[in-house]
């Protein structure tokens, strides 16, 4: 089965409380485009992330709001910011890194809220069952093209409202010479 590849850049998921601090109370975010998973979208708005003296501007805001704010950076961003954000799945923020997030109205110190996203496969429960996959299972996905790679330790995330998508970041996509719209295939499954 062809697995579509979704390529992600650095971005921030905001809690409503932090959005109010950074952009002003009840700020109306402008939708720029839908992203691969249903109901999620990128906004026109961006923030700056900083720590301690280095910064990265134009970090895209993704909505809808989350319970906790979370910045997902690229592994290479660690060297720009002089931090050591761990590779984790979204939401796994315990003992992660910290940053200052600067918005147009104010700033917040985000403690335990910065990770490098771990590569993962979004899949519906029905598709997972059909392919004999389980939620949280580790698999390997081979990409295609001139610089093809095998990505090991891809975590299966099965949920009824997911859309099939192998989610990697720009650093990983560049290593494999991938572009939006490229695809891969599952070549091994571990328990």
C-alpha atoms as a PDB file:
ATOM      1  CA  UNK A   1       0.000   0.000   0.000  1.00  0.00           C
ATOM      2  CA  UNK A   2       1.270   3.476  -0.863  1.00  0.00           C
ATOM      3  CA  UNK A   3       1.665   5.597   2.255  1.00  0.00           C
ATOM      4  CA  UNK A   4       1.466   9.357   1.602  1.00  0.00           C
ATOM      5  CA  UNK A   5       4.267  11.357   3.217  1.00  0.00           C
ATOM      6  CA  UNK A   6       3.462  14.517   5.162  1.00  0.00           C
ATOM      7  CA  UNK A   7       6.344  16.919   5.733  1.00  0.00           C
ATOM      8  CA  UNK A   8       6.196  19.229   8.724  1.00  0.00           C
ATOM      9  CA  UNK A   9       8.134  22.404   9.493  1.00  0.00           C
ATOM     10  CA  UNK A  10       8.652  23.867  12.966  1.00  0.00           C
ATOM     11  CA  UNK A  11       5.357  25.065  14.467  1.00  0.00           C
ATOM     12  CA  UNK A  12       3.493  25.792  17.687  1.00  0.00           C
ATOM     13  CA  UNK A  13       0.257  24.388  19.101  1.00  0.00           C
ATOM     14  CA  UNK A  14      -1.299  26.848  21.539  1.00  0.00           C
ATOM     15  CA  UNK A  15      -3.567  26.560  24.534  1.00  0.00           C
ATOM     16  CA  UNK A  16      -6.354  29.151  24.559  1.00  0.00           C
ATOM     17  CA  UNK A  17      -4.827  30.799  27.636  1.00  0.00           C
ATOM     18  CA  UNK A  18      -1.429  31.198  25.964  1.00  0.00           C
ATOM     19  CA  UNK A  19      -3.040  32.410  22.722  1.00  0.00           C
ATOM     20  CA  UNK A  20      -4.820  35.120  24.717  1.00  0.00           C
ATOM     21  CA  UNK A  21      -1.506  36.179  26.289  1.00  0.00           C
ATOM     22  CA  UNK A  22       0.455  36.204  23.021  1.00  0.00           C
ATOM     23  CA  UNK A  23      -2.178  37.682  20.680  1.00  0.00           C
ATOM     24  CA  UNK A  24      -4.750  39.350  22.932  1.00  0.00           C
ATOM     25  CA  UNK A  25      -7.979  38.115  24.486  1.00  0.00           C
ATOM     26  CA  UNK A  26     -10.328  36.328  22.058  1.00  0.00           C
ATOM     27  CA  UNK A  27      -8.045  37.030  19.100  1.00  0.00           C
ATOM     28  CA  UNK A  28      -9.510  35.702  15.832  1.00  0.00           C
ATOM     29  CA  UNK A  29      -6.839  33.622  14.058  1.00  0.00           C
ATOM     30  CA  UNK A  30      -6.898  33.625  10.248  1.00  0.00           C
ATOM     31  CA  UNK A  31      -6.858  30.195   8.638  1.00  0.00           C
ATOM     32  CA  UNK A  32      -4.137  29.839   6.009  1.00  0.00           C
ATOM     33  CA  UNK A  33      -4.636  26.177   4.965  1.00  0.00           C
ATOM     34  CA  UNK A  34      -5.818  22.803   6.166  1.00  0.00           C
ATOM     35  CA  UNK A  35      -3.126  20.322   7.120  1.00  0.00           C
ATOM     36  CA  UNK A  36      -3.189  16.547   6.728  1.00  0.00           C
ATOM     37  CA  UNK A  37      -5.264  15.592   9.769  1.00  0.00           C
ATOM     38  CA  UNK A  38      -8.994  16.451   9.804  1.00  0.00           C
ATOM     39  CA  UNK A  39      -9.910  19.630  11.683  1.00  0.00           C
ATOM     40  CA  UNK A  40      -6.320  20.841  11.996  1.00  0.00           C
ATOM     41  CA  UNK A  41      -5.050  23.873  10.128  1.00  0.00           C
ATOM     42  CA  UNK A  42      -2.177  26.312   9.807  1.00  0.00           C
ATOM     43  CA  UNK A  43      -2.851  29.960  10.597  1.00  0.00           C
ATOM     44  CA  UNK A  44      -1.478  33.099   8.975  1.00  0.00           C
ATOM     45  CA  UNK A  45      -0.126  34.090  12.394  1.00  0.00           C
ATOM     46  CA  UNK A  46       3.384  33.288  13.565  1.00  0.00           C
ATOM     47  CA  UNK A  47       5.457  33.737  16.711  1.00  0.00           C
ATOM     48  CA  UNK A  48       9.142  34.067  17.522  1.00  0.00           C
ATOM     49  CA  UNK A  49      10.857  31.458  19.693  1.00  0.00           C
ATOM     50  CA  UNK A  50      13.937  32.454  21.675  1.00  0.00           C
ATOM     51  CA  UNK A  51      16.453  30.901  24.075  1.00  0.00           C
ATOM     52  CA  UNK A  52      18.620  32.310  25.609  1.00  0.00           C
ATOM     53  CA  UNK A  53      19.939  34.865  23.096  1.00  0.00           C
ATOM     54  CA  UNK A  54      19.234  33.162  19.746  1.00  0.00           C
ATOM     55  CA  UNK A  55      15.840  33.203  18.092  1.00  0.00           C
ATOM     56  CA  UNK A  56      13.819  31.797  15.222  1.00  0.00           C
ATOM     57  CA  UNK A  57      11.118  34.018  13.731  1.00  0.00           C
ATOM     58  CA  UNK A  58       7.965  33.108  11.793  1.00  0.00           C
ATOM     59  CA  UNK A  59       7.082  29.903  13.649  1.00  0.00           C
ATOM     60  CA  UNK A  60       3.623  28.985  12.340  1.00  0.00           C
ATOM     61  CA  UNK A  61       0.619  28.685  14.691  1.00  0.00           C
ATOM     62  CA  UNK A  62      -1.479  25.527  14.243  1.00  0.00           C
ATOM     63  CA  UNK A  63      -5.033  25.189  15.555  1.00  0.00           C
ATOM     64  CA  UNK A  64      -7.362  24.058  17.063  1.00  0.00           C
ATOM     65  CA  UNK A  65      -6.332  24.918  20.595  1.00  0.00           C
ATOM     66  CA  UNK A  66      -4.733  22.240  22.744  1.00  0.00           C
ATOM     67  CA  UNK A  67      -4.789  21.647  26.476  1.00  0.00           C
ATOM     68  CA  UNK A  68      -1.096  22.607  26.697  1.00  0.00           C
ATOM     69  CA  UNK A  69       1.025  24.734  24.385  1.00  0.00           C
ATOM     70  CA  UNK A  70       3.761  22.859  22.556  1.00  0.00           C
ATOM     71  CA  UNK A  71       6.513  23.913  20.151  1.00  0.00           C
ATOM     72  CA  UNK A  72       7.723  21.298  17.661  1.00  0.00           C
ATOM     73  CA  UNK A  73      11.126  22.214  16.259  1.00  0.00           C
ATOM     74  CA  UNK A  74      13.507  20.550  13.827  1.00  0.00           C
ATOM     75  CA  UNK A  75      16.495  18.653  15.219  1.00  0.00           C
ATOM     76  CA  UNK A  76      18.746  21.209  13.489  1.00  0.00           C
ATOM     77  CA  UNK A  77      16.957  24.031  15.365  1.00  0.00           C
ATOM     78  CA  UNK A  78      18.558  22.747  18.578  1.00  0.00           C
ATOM     79  CA  UNK A  79      21.886  24.056  17.260  1.00  0.00           C
ATOM     80  CA  UNK A  80      20.447  27.458  16.406  1.00  0.00           C
ATOM     81  CA  UNK A  81      18.765  27.895  19.801  1.00  0.00           C
ATOM     82  CA  UNK A  82      21.417  26.132  21.907  1.00  0.00           C
ATOM     83  CA  UNK A  83      18.905  23.770  23.490  1.00  0.00           C
ATOM     84  CA  UNK A  84      18.436  19.996  23.478  1.00  0.00           C
ATOM     85  CA  UNK A  85      14.780  19.298  22.756  1.00  0.00           C
ATOM     86  CA  UNK A  86      14.086  15.560  22.980  1.00  0.00           C
ATOM     87  CA  UNK A  87      12.545  13.499  20.173  1.00  0.00           C
ATOM     88  CA  UNK A  88       9.013  12.712  21.338  1.00  0.00           C
ATOM     89  CA  UNK A  89       5.483  12.102  20.168  1.00  0.00           C
ATOM     90  CA  UNK A  90       3.145  15.067  20.347  1.00  0.00           C
ATOM     91  CA  UNK A  91       1.902  15.719  23.880  1.00  0.00           C
ATOM     92  CA  UNK A  92       4.789  13.932  25.612  1.00  0.00           C
ATOM     93  CA  UNK A  93       6.233  17.059  27.210  1.00  0.00           C
ATOM     94  CA  UNK A  94       7.506  15.839  30.589  1.00  0.00           C
ATOM     95  CA  UNK A  95      11.131  16.927  31.060  1.00  0.00           C
ATOM     96  CA  UNK A  96      11.270  18.482  27.596  1.00  0.00           C
ATOM     97  CA  UNK A  97      12.925  21.832  26.782  1.00  0.00           C
ATOM     98  CA  UNK A  98      11.919  25.392  27.521  1.00  0.00           C
ATOM     99  CA  UNK A  99      11.735  28.521  25.364  1.00  0.00           C
ATOM    100  CA  UNK A 100      10.396  32.021  25.396  1.00  0.00           C
ATOM    101  CA  UNK A 101       7.571  32.473  22.894  1.00  0.00           C
ATOM    102  CA  UNK A 102       7.053  36.031  21.654  1.00  0.00           C
ATOM    103  CA  UNK A 103       3.769  37.138  20.124  1.00  0.00           C
ATOM    104  CA  UNK A 104       2.548  40.528  18.937  1.00  0.00           C
ATOM    105  CA  UNK A 105       1.026  41.439  22.327  1.00  0.00           C
ATOM    106  CA  UNK A 106       3.215  39.719  24.928  1.00  0.00           C
ATOM    107  CA  UNK A 107       5.493  36.763  25.599  1.00  0.00           C
ATOM    108  CA  UNK A 108       5.351  33.540  27.598  1.00  0.00           C
ATOM    109  CA  UNK A 109       8.026  31.335  29.105  1.00  0.00           C
ATOM    110  CA  UNK A 110       7.090  27.868  27.924  1.00  0.00           C
ATOM    111  CA  UNK A 111       8.543  25.343  30.367  1.00  0.00           C
ATOM    112  CA  UNK A 112       8.498  21.653  29.394  1.00  0.00           C
ATOM    113  CA  UNK A 113       6.891  22.432  26.063  1.00  0.00           C
ATOM    114  CA  UNK A 114       9.511  22.004  23.320  1.00  0.00           C
ATOM    115  CA  UNK A 115      10.132  18.758  21.417  1.00  0.00           C
ATOM    116  CA  UNK A 116      11.394  17.415  18.116  1.00  0.00           C
ATOM    117  CA  UNK A 117       8.485  15.408  16.696  1.00  0.00           C
ATOM    118  CA  UNK A 118       9.089  11.657  16.537  1.00  0.00           C
ATOM    119  CA  UNK A 119       8.259  10.187  13.134  1.00  0.00           C
ATOM    120  CA  UNK A 120       4.874   8.492  13.126  1.00  0.00           C
ATOM    121  CA  UNK A 121       2.138   7.054  10.948  1.00  0.00           C
ATOM    122  CA  UNK A 122      -1.406   8.390  11.233  1.00  0.00           C
ATOM    123  CA  UNK A 123      -3.866   5.673  10.235  1.00  0.00           C
ATOM    124  CA  UNK A 124      -7.530   4.851  10.850  1.00  0.00           C
ATOM    125  CA  UNK A 125      -8.348   1.930  13.131  1.00  0.00           C
ATOM    126  CA  UNK A 126      -9.949   0.092  10.177  1.00  0.00           C
ATOM    127  CA  UNK A 127      -6.866   0.601   7.957  1.00  0.00           C
ATOM    128  CA  UNK A 128      -4.604  -0.550  10.796  1.00  0.00           C
ATOM    129  CA  UNK A 129      -6.671  -3.701  11.291  1.00  0.00           C
ATOM    130  CA  UNK A 130      -6.622  -4.413   7.544  1.00  0.00           C
ATOM    131  CA  UNK A 131      -2.814  -4.031   7.483  1.00  0.00           C
ATOM    132  CA  UNK A 132      -2.386  -6.008  10.733  1.00  0.00           C
ATOM    133  CA  UNK A 133      -0.971  -2.991  12.566  1.00  0.00           C
ATOM    134  CA  UNK A 134      -1.548  -1.952  16.174  1.00  0.00           C
ATOM    135  CA  UNK A 135      -1.600   1.415  17.856  1.00  0.00           C
ATOM    136  CA  UNK A 136       1.881   2.234  19.305  1.00  0.00           C
ATOM    137  CA  UNK A 137       3.549  -0.460  17.195  1.00  0.00           C
ATOM    138  CA  UNK A 138       6.947   0.347  15.642  1.00  0.00           C
ATOM    139  CA  UNK A 139       7.313  -0.159  11.900  1.00  0.00           C
ATOM    140  CA  UNK A 140       9.789   0.666   9.120  1.00  0.00           C
ATOM    141  CA  UNK A 141       8.846   2.667   6.027  1.00  0.00           C
ATOM    142  CA  UNK A 142      10.896   2.763   2.825  1.00  0.00           C
ATOM    143  CA  UNK A 143      10.701   5.883   0.679  1.00  0.00           C
ATOM    144  CA  UNK A 144      11.239   6.032  -3.083  1.00  0.00           C
ATOM    145  CA  UNK A 145      13.353   8.192  -5.340  1.00  0.00           C
ATOM    146  CA  UNK A 146      16.978   8.982  -5.967  1.00  0.00           C
ATOM    147  CA  UNK A 147      17.878   9.319  -2.267  1.00  0.00           C
ATOM    148  CA  UNK A 148      15.491   6.667  -0.903  1.00  0.00           C
ATOM    149  CA  UNK A 149      15.817   5.788   2.767  1.00  0.00           C
ATOM    150  CA  UNK A 150      14.342   3.329   5.212  1.00  0.00           C
ATOM    151  CA  UNK A 151      12.882   5.110   8.226  1.00  0.00           C
ATOM    152  CA  UNK A 152      13.011   2.819  11.275  1.00  0.00           C
ATOM    153  CA  UNK A 153      11.127   3.279  14.553  1.00  0.00           C
ATOM    154  CA  UNK A 154       8.006   4.801  13.015  1.00  0.00           C
ATOM    155  CA  UNK A 155       5.248   4.760  15.643  1.00  0.00           C
ATOM    156  CA  UNK A 156       1.773   3.716  14.478  1.00  0.00           C
ATOM    157  CA  UNK A 157      -0.957   6.072  15.722  1.00  0.00           C
ATOM    158  CA  UNK A 158      -4.374   4.553  14.985  1.00  0.00           C
ATOM    159  CA  UNK A 159      -7.540   6.577  15.522  1.00  0.00           C
ATOM    160  CA  UNK A 160     -10.904   6.583  13.754  1.00  0.00           C
ATOM    161  CA  UNK A 161     -10.672  10.220  12.662  1.00  0.00           C
ATOM    162  CA  UNK A 162      -7.099  10.116  11.305  1.00  0.00           C
ATOM    163  CA  UNK A 163      -6.145  10.364   7.644  1.00  0.00           C
ATOM    164  CA  UNK A 164      -3.396   8.040   6.376  1.00  0.00           C
ATOM    165  CA  UNK A 165      -0.142  10.004   6.552  1.00  0.00           C
ATOM    166  CA  UNK A 166       3.514   9.169   7.334  1.00  0.00           C
ATOM    167  CA  UNK A 167       4.566  12.244   9.298  1.00  0.00           C
ATOM    168  CA  UNK A 168       8.201  13.397   9.180  1.00  0.00           C
ATOM    169  CA  UNK A 169       9.874  16.790   9.496  1.00  0.00           C
ATOM    170  CA  UNK A 170      11.857  18.840   6.979  1.00  0.00           C
ATOM    171  CA  UNK A 171      15.242  17.565   8.237  1.00  0.00           C
ATOM    172  CA  UNK A 172      14.161  13.963   7.600  1.00  0.00           C
ATOM    173  CA  UNK A 173      12.539  14.805   4.259  1.00  0.00           C
ATOM    174  CA  UNK A 174      15.683  16.578   3.070  1.00  0.00           C
ATOM    175  CA  UNK A 175      17.852  13.584   4.012  1.00  0.00           C
ATOM    176  CA  UNK A 176      15.678  11.396   1.760  1.00  0.00           C
ATOM    177  CA  UNK A 177      15.175  13.987  -0.996  1.00  0.00           C
ATOM    178  CA  UNK A 178      11.402  13.979  -0.429  1.00  0.00           C
ATOM    179  CA  UNK A 179       8.766  16.472  -1.529  1.00  0.00           C
ATOM    180  CA  UNK A 180       5.094  16.941  -0.618  1.00  0.00           C
ATOM    181  CA  UNK A 181       3.075  14.302  -2.447  1.00  0.00           C
ATOM    182  CA  UNK A 182       5.805  11.629  -2.307  1.00  0.00           C
ATOM    183  CA  UNK A 183       5.028   8.237  -0.824  1.00  0.00           C
ATOM    184  CA  UNK A 184       6.551   5.291   0.978  1.00  0.00           C
ATOM    185  CA  UNK A 185       5.699   1.690   1.811  1.00  0.00           C
ATOM    186  CA  UNK A 186       5.770  -0.351   4.998  1.00  0.00           C
ATOM    187  CA  UNK A 187       8.552  -2.923   4.792  1.00  0.00           C
ATOM    188  CA  UNK A 188       8.685  -4.339   8.329  1.00  0.00           C
ATOM    189  CA  UNK A 189       6.556  -4.478  11.451  1.00  0.00           C
ATOM    190  CA  UNK A 190       7.846  -4.968  15.001  1.00  0.00           C
ATOM    191  CA  UNK A 191       5.753  -5.553  18.106  1.00  0.00           C
END
